[in-house]
Amino acid sequence: MKEDLMDIICCPLDKQELELTVDERDGDDVIDGTLTCTECGERYPIEEGIPNLLPPDMRDDIPA
């Protein structure tokens, strides 16, 4: 995922901003990490460069 995507994506539940936590990076690309909603606290995984913005009931939980 390109980090500048953060300018246009938001939490699918409440449309608030997302905070990025990077676990692995390749240049400007985020390979693995987490997007966390600044309002509701819901977390969305980034795996192999792809953010999973499905609502929680439509995806597996992120390990704590």
PDB file of N, CA and C in Angstrom:
ATOM      1  N   MET A   1       0.840  -1.157   0.000  1.00  0.00           N
ATOM      2  CA  MET A   1       0.000   0.000   0.000  1.00  0.00           C
ATOM      3  C   MET A   1       0.892   1.228   0.000  1.00  0.00           C
ATOM      4  N   LYS A   2       0.612   2.147  -0.856  1.00  0.00           N
ATOM      5  CA  LYS A   2       1.337   3.425  -0.849  1.00  0.00           C
ATOM      6  C   LYS A   2       0.887   4.256   0.339  1.00  0.00           C
ATOM      7  N   GLU A   3       1.833   4.829   1.067  1.00  0.00           N
ATOM      8  CA  GLU A   3       1.493   5.582   2.264  1.00  0.00           C
ATOM      9  C   GLU A   3       0.628   6.806   1.958  1.00  0.00           C
ATOM     10  N   ASP A   4       0.751   7.375   0.766  1.00  0.00           N
ATOM     11  CA  ASP A   4      -0.077   8.546   0.444  1.00  0.00           C
ATOM     12  C   ASP A   4      -1.554   8.197   0.263  1.00  0.00           C
ATOM     13  N   LEU A   5      -1.890   6.907   0.254  1.00  0.00           N
ATOM     14  CA  LEU A   5      -3.286   6.471   0.242  1.00  0.00           C
ATOM     15  C   LEU A   5      -3.999   6.921   1.520  1.00  0.00           C
ATOM     16  N   MET A   6      -3.233   7.179   2.580  1.00  0.00           N
ATOM     17  CA  MET A   6      -3.798   7.629   3.849  1.00  0.00           C
ATOM     18  C   MET A   6      -4.581   8.932   3.687  1.00  0.00           C
ATOM     19  N   ASP A   7      -4.289   9.709   2.653  1.00  0.00           N
ATOM     20  CA  ASP A   7      -4.991  10.975   2.417  1.00  0.00           C
ATOM     21  C   ASP A   7      -6.435  10.769   1.976  1.00  0.00           C
ATOM     22  N   ILE A   8      -6.755   9.572   1.462  1.00  0.00           N
ATOM     23  CA  ILE A   8      -8.097   9.376   0.895  1.00  0.00           C
ATOM     24  C   ILE A   8      -8.919   8.266   1.552  1.00  0.00           C
ATOM     25  N   ILE A   9      -8.296   7.403   2.345  1.00  0.00           N
ATOM     26  CA  ILE A   9      -9.083   6.327   2.966  1.00  0.00           C
ATOM     27  C   ILE A   9      -9.529   6.737   4.370  1.00  0.00           C
ATOM     28  N   CYS A  10     -10.616   6.132   4.816  1.00  0.00           N
ATOM     29  CA  CYS A  10     -11.136   6.401   6.152  1.00  0.00           C
ATOM     30  C   CYS A  10     -11.763   5.123   6.697  1.00  0.00           C
ATOM     31  N   CYS A  11     -12.144   5.159   7.943  1.00  0.00           N
ATOM     32  CA  CYS A  11     -12.783   4.013   8.587  1.00  0.00           C
ATOM     33  C   CYS A  11     -14.113   3.734   7.891  1.00  0.00           C
ATOM     34  N   PRO A  12     -14.333   2.505   7.438  1.00  0.00           N
ATOM     35  CA  PRO A  12     -15.592   2.184   6.766  1.00  0.00           C
ATOM     36  C   PRO A  12     -16.803   2.198   7.705  1.00  0.00           C
ATOM     37  N   LEU A  13     -16.573   2.150   9.018  1.00  0.00           N
ATOM     38  CA  LEU A  13     -17.689   2.133   9.967  1.00  0.00           C
ATOM     39  C   LEU A  13     -18.205   3.527  10.295  1.00  0.00           C
ATOM     40  N   ASP A  14     -17.282   4.463  10.578  1.00  0.00           N
ATOM     41  CA  ASP A  14     -17.735   5.791  10.999  1.00  0.00           C
ATOM     42  C   ASP A  14     -17.123   6.946  10.194  1.00  0.00           C
ATOM     43  N   LYS A  15     -16.380   6.595   9.140  1.00  0.00           N
ATOM     44  CA  LYS A  15     -15.808   7.586   8.209  1.00  0.00           C
ATOM     45  C   LYS A  15     -14.805   8.534   8.846  1.00  0.00           C
ATOM     46  N   GLN A  16     -14.179   8.109   9.962  1.00  0.00           N
ATOM     47  CA  GLN A  16     -13.167   8.927  10.627  1.00  0.00           C
ATOM     48  C   GLN A  16     -11.777   8.570  10.109  1.00  0.00           C
ATOM     49  N   GLU A  17     -10.783   9.357  10.508  1.00  0.00           N
ATOM     50  CA  GLU A  17      -9.404   9.144  10.068  1.00  0.00           C
ATOM     51  C   GLU A  17      -8.842   7.835  10.604  1.00  0.00           C
ATOM     52  N   LEU A  18      -7.877   7.300   9.855  1.00  0.00           N
ATOM     53  CA  LEU A  18      -7.170   6.091  10.256  1.00  0.00           C
ATOM     54  C   LEU A  18      -5.728   6.446  10.579  1.00  0.00           C
ATOM     55  N   GLU A  19      -5.185   5.797  11.591  1.00  0.00           N
ATOM     56  CA  GLU A  19      -3.787   5.970  11.977  1.00  0.00           C
ATOM     57  C   GLU A  19      -3.005   4.750  11.507  1.00  0.00           C
ATOM     58  N   LEU A  20      -1.874   4.978  10.894  1.00  0.00           N
ATOM     59  CA  LEU A  20      -1.060   3.912  10.312  1.00  0.00           C
ATOM     60  C   LEU A  20       0.048   3.481  11.271  1.00  0.00           C
ATOM     61  N   THR A  21       0.151   2.167  11.474  1.00  0.00           N
ATOM     62  CA  THR A  21       1.279   1.561  12.181  1.00  0.00           C
ATOM     63  C   THR A  21       1.962   0.619  11.197  1.00  0.00           C
ATOM     64  N   VAL A  22       3.241   0.863  10.924  1.00  0.00           N
ATOM     65  CA  VAL A  22       3.973   0.081   9.929  1.00  0.00           C
ATOM     66  C   VAL A  22       4.820  -0.975  10.624  1.00  0.00           C
ATOM     67  N   ASP A  23       4.643  -2.235  10.194  1.00  0.00           N
ATOM     68  CA  ASP A  23       5.478  -3.328  10.681  1.00  0.00           C
ATOM     69  C   ASP A  23       6.593  -3.648   9.692  1.00  0.00           C
ATOM     70  N   GLU A  24       6.294  -3.519   8.392  1.00  0.00           N
ATOM     71  CA  GLU A  24       7.288  -3.789   7.349  1.00  0.00           C
ATOM     72  C   GLU A  24       7.063  -2.826   6.196  1.00  0.00           C
ATOM     73  N   ARG A  25       8.161  -2.289   5.685  1.00  0.00           N
ATOM     74  CA  ARG A  25       8.104  -1.306   4.611  1.00  0.00           C
ATOM     75  C   ARG A  25       9.106  -1.687   3.526  1.00  0.00           C
ATOM     76  N   ASP A  26       8.771  -1.364   2.283  1.00  0.00           N
ATOM     77  CA  ASP A  26       9.679  -1.533   1.156  1.00  0.00           C
ATOM     78  C   ASP A  26       9.681  -0.218   0.394  1.00  0.00           C
ATOM     79  N   GLY A  27      10.632   0.651   0.727  1.00  0.00           N
ATOM     80  CA  GLY A  27      10.653   1.986   0.122  1.00  0.00           C
ATOM     81  C   GLY A  27       9.441   2.777   0.579  1.00  0.00           C
ATOM     82  N   ASP A  28       8.622   3.241  -0.383  1.00  0.00           N
ATOM     83  CA  ASP A  28       7.414   4.001  -0.065  1.00  0.00           C
ATOM     84  C   ASP A  28       6.198   3.106   0.164  1.00  0.00           C
ATOM     85  N   ASP A  29       6.366   1.812  -0.006  1.00  0.00           N
ATOM     86  CA  ASP A  29       5.246   0.880   0.141  1.00  0.00           C
ATOM     87  C   ASP A  29       5.197   0.285   1.551  1.00  0.00           C
ATOM     88  N   VAL A  30       3.997   0.255   2.124  1.00  0.00           N
ATOM     89  CA  VAL A  30       3.776  -0.426   3.399  1.00  0.00           C
ATOM     90  C   VAL A  30       3.395  -1.861   3.067  1.00  0.00           C
ATOM     91  N   ILE A  31       4.198  -2.810   3.506  1.00  0.00           N
ATOM     92  CA  ILE A  31       3.959  -4.225   3.208  1.00  0.00           C
ATOM     93  C   ILE A  31       3.060  -4.851   4.269  1.00  0.00           C
ATOM     94  N   ASP A  32       3.376  -4.632   5.535  1.00  0.00           N
ATOM     95  CA  ASP A  32       2.573  -5.158   6.639  1.00  0.00           C
ATOM     96  C   ASP A  32       2.407  -4.073   7.692  1.00  0.00           C
ATOM     97  N   GLY A  33       1.223  -4.052   8.299  1.00  0.00           N
ATOM     98  CA  GLY A  33       0.951  -3.075   9.343  1.00  0.00           C
ATOM     99  C   GLY A  33      -0.510  -3.097   9.734  1.00  0.00           C
ATOM    100  N   THR A  34      -0.924  -2.011  10.374  1.00  0.00           N
ATOM    101  CA  THR A  34      -2.293  -1.906  10.870  1.00  0.00           C
ATOM    102  C   THR A  34      -2.790  -0.481  10.676  1.00  0.00           C
ATOM    103  N   LEU A  35      -4.057  -0.376  10.300  1.00  0.00           N
ATOM    104  CA  LEU A  35      -4.758   0.903  10.263  1.00  0.00           C
ATOM    105  C   LEU A  35      -5.727   0.899  11.433  1.00  0.00           C
ATOM    106  N   THR A  36      -5.686   1.944  12.267  1.00  0.00           N
ATOM    107  CA  THR A  36      -6.550   2.022  13.439  1.00  0.00           C
ATOM    108  C   THR A  36      -7.385   3.291  13.354  1.00  0.00           C
ATOM    109  N   CYS A  37      -8.703   3.146  13.552  1.00  0.00           N
ATOM    110  CA  CYS A  37      -9.599   4.296  13.517  1.00  0.00           C
ATOM    111  C   CYS A  37      -9.335   5.180  14.733  1.00  0.00           C
ATOM    112  N   THR A  38      -9.206   6.487  14.502  1.00  0.00           N
ATOM    113  CA  THR A  38      -8.946   7.425  15.591  1.00  0.00           C
ATOM    114  C   THR A  38     -10.182   7.662  16.442  1.00  0.00           C
ATOM    115  N   GLU A  39     -11.357   7.296  15.963  1.00  0.00           N
ATOM    116  CA  GLU A  39     -12.599   7.510  16.714  1.00  0.00           C
ATOM    117  C   GLU A  39     -13.085   6.243  17.424  1.00  0.00           C
ATOM    118  N   CYS A  40     -13.345   5.178  16.664  1.00  0.00           N
ATOM    119  CA  CYS A  40     -13.933   3.969  17.260  1.00  0.00           C
ATOM    120  C   CYS A  40     -12.886   2.943  17.698  1.00  0.00           C
ATOM    121  N   GLY A  41     -11.642   3.087  17.254  1.00  0.00           N
ATOM    122  CA  GLY A  41     -10.579   2.179  17.671  1.00  0.00           C
ATOM    123  C   GLY A  41     -10.516   0.872  16.891  1.00  0.00           C
ATOM    124  N   GLU A  42     -11.416   0.685  15.919  1.00  0.00           N
ATOM    125  CA  GLU A  42     -11.386  -0.544  15.116  1.00  0.00           C
ATOM    126  C   GLU A  42     -10.060  -0.622  14.366  1.00  0.00           C
ATOM    127  N   ARG A  43      -9.520  -1.847  14.255  1.00  0.00           N
ATOM    128  CA  ARG A  43      -8.233  -2.052  13.577  1.00  0.00           C
ATOM    129  C   ARG A  43      -8.433  -2.840  12.297  1.00  0.00           C
ATOM    130  N   TYR A  44      -7.670  -2.457  11.268  1.00  0.00           N
ATOM    131  CA  TYR A  44      -7.723  -3.094   9.959  1.00  0.00           C
ATOM    132  C   TYR A  44      -6.306  -3.492   9.566  1.00  0.00           C
ATOM    133  N   PRO A  45      -6.104  -4.743   9.177  1.00  0.00           N
ATOM    134  CA  PRO A  45      -4.749  -5.205   8.849  1.00  0.00           C
ATOM    135  C   PRO A  45      -4.310  -4.771   7.446  1.00  0.00           C
ATOM    136  N   ILE A  46      -3.013  -4.620   7.300  1.00  0.00           N
ATOM    137  CA  ILE A  46      -2.385  -4.478   5.986  1.00  0.00           C
ATOM    138  C   ILE A  46      -1.491  -5.695   5.847  1.00  0.00           C
ATOM    139  N   GLU A  47      -1.787  -6.541   4.870  1.00  0.00           N
ATOM    140  CA  GLU A  47      -1.021  -7.765   4.663  1.00  0.00           C
ATOM    141  C   GLU A  47      -0.584  -7.846   3.220  1.00  0.00           C
ATOM    142  N   GLU A  48       0.713  -8.060   3.027  1.00  0.00           N
ATOM    143  CA  GLU A  48       1.294  -8.160   1.694  1.00  0.00           C
ATOM    144  C   GLU A  48       0.942  -6.933   0.842  1.00  0.00           C
ATOM    145  N   GLY A  49       0.903  -5.764   1.504  1.00  0.00           N
ATOM    146  CA  GLY A  49       0.674  -4.503   0.807  1.00  0.00           C
ATOM    147  C   GLY A  49      -0.782  -4.176   0.536  1.00  0.00           C
ATOM    148  N   ILE A  50      -1.710  -5.001   1.041  1.00  0.00           N
ATOM    149  CA  ILE A  50      -3.130  -4.798   0.763  1.00  0.00           C
ATOM    150  C   ILE A  50      -3.878  -4.507   2.064  1.00  0.00           C
ATOM    151  N   PRO A  51      -4.483  -3.301   2.169  1.00  0.00           N
ATOM    152  CA  PRO A  51      -5.281  -3.016   3.362  1.00  0.00           C
ATOM    153  C   PRO A  51      -6.624  -3.740   3.295  1.00  0.00           C
ATOM    154  N   ASN A  52      -7.014  -4.378   4.400  1.00  0.00           N
ATOM    155  CA  ASN A  52      -8.293  -5.084   4.481  1.00  0.00           C
ATOM    156  C   ASN A  52      -9.265  -4.191   5.244  1.00  0.00           C
ATOM    157  N   LEU A  53     -10.097  -3.454   4.499  1.00  0.00           N
ATOM    158  CA  LEU A  53     -11.037  -2.520   5.114  1.00  0.00           C
ATOM    159  C   LEU A  53     -12.447  -3.088   5.206  1.00  0.00           C
ATOM    160  N   LEU A  54     -12.554  -4.407   5.210  1.00  0.00           N
ATOM    161  CA  LEU A  54     -13.859  -5.033   5.406  1.00  0.00           C
ATOM    162  C   LEU A  54     -14.332  -4.792   6.837  1.00  0.00           C
ATOM    163  N   PRO A  55     -15.634  -4.642   7.044  1.00  0.00           N
ATOM    164  CA  PRO A  55     -16.147  -4.531   8.413  1.00  0.00           C
ATOM    165  C   PRO A  55     -15.746  -5.762   9.225  1.00  0.00           C
ATOM    166  N   PRO A  56     -15.613  -5.597  10.536  1.00  0.00           N
ATOM    167  CA  PRO A  56     -15.113  -6.684  11.388  1.00  0.00           C
ATOM    168  C   PRO A  56     -15.877  -7.997  11.255  1.00  0.00           C
ATOM    169  N   ASP A  57     -17.184  -7.942  11.054  1.00  0.00           N
ATOM    170  CA  ASP A  57     -17.960  -9.178  10.966  1.00  0.00           C
ATOM    171  C   ASP A  57     -17.783  -9.904   9.637  1.00  0.00           C
ATOM    172  N   MET A  58     -17.039  -9.310   8.720  1.00  0.00           N
ATOM    173  CA  MET A  58     -16.803  -9.926   7.415  1.00  0.00           C
ATOM    174  C   MET A  58     -15.365 -10.399   7.230  1.00  0.00           C
ATOM    175  N   ARG A  59     -14.549 -10.339   8.297  1.00  0.00           N
ATOM    176  CA  ARG A  59     -13.145 -10.749   8.203  1.00  0.00           C
ATOM    177  C   ARG A  59     -12.716 -11.404   9.494  1.00  0.00           C
ATOM    178  N   ASP A  60     -11.547 -12.058   9.450  1.00  0.00           N
ATOM    179  CA  ASP A  60     -10.970 -12.644  10.659  1.00  0.00           C
ATOM    180  C   ASP A  60     -10.451 -11.534  11.549  1.00  0.00           C
ATOM    181  N   ASP A  61     -10.486 -11.751  12.866  1.00  0.00           N
ATOM    182  CA  ASP A  61      -9.969 -10.777  13.809  1.00  0.00           C
ATOM    183  C   ASP A  61      -8.463 -10.657  13.686  1.00  0.00           C
ATOM    184  N   ILE A  62      -7.957  -9.469  13.994  1.00  0.00           N
ATOM    185  CA  ILE A  62      -6.522  -9.227  14.038  1.00  0.00           C
ATOM    186  C   ILE A  62      -6.023  -9.683  15.399  1.00  0.00           C
ATOM    187  N   PRO A  63      -4.962 -10.481  15.440  1.00  0.00           N
ATOM    188  CA  PRO A  63      -4.441 -10.916  16.742  1.00  0.00           C
ATOM    189  C   PRO A  63      -4.013  -9.726  17.589  1.00  0.00           C
ATOM    190  N   ALA A  64      -4.243  -9.792  18.873  1.00  0.00           N
ATOM    191  CA  ALA A  64      -3.895  -8.683  19.775  1.00  0.00           C
ATOM    192  C   ALA A  64      -2.411  -8.610  20.017  1.00  0.00           C
TER     193      ALA A  64
END
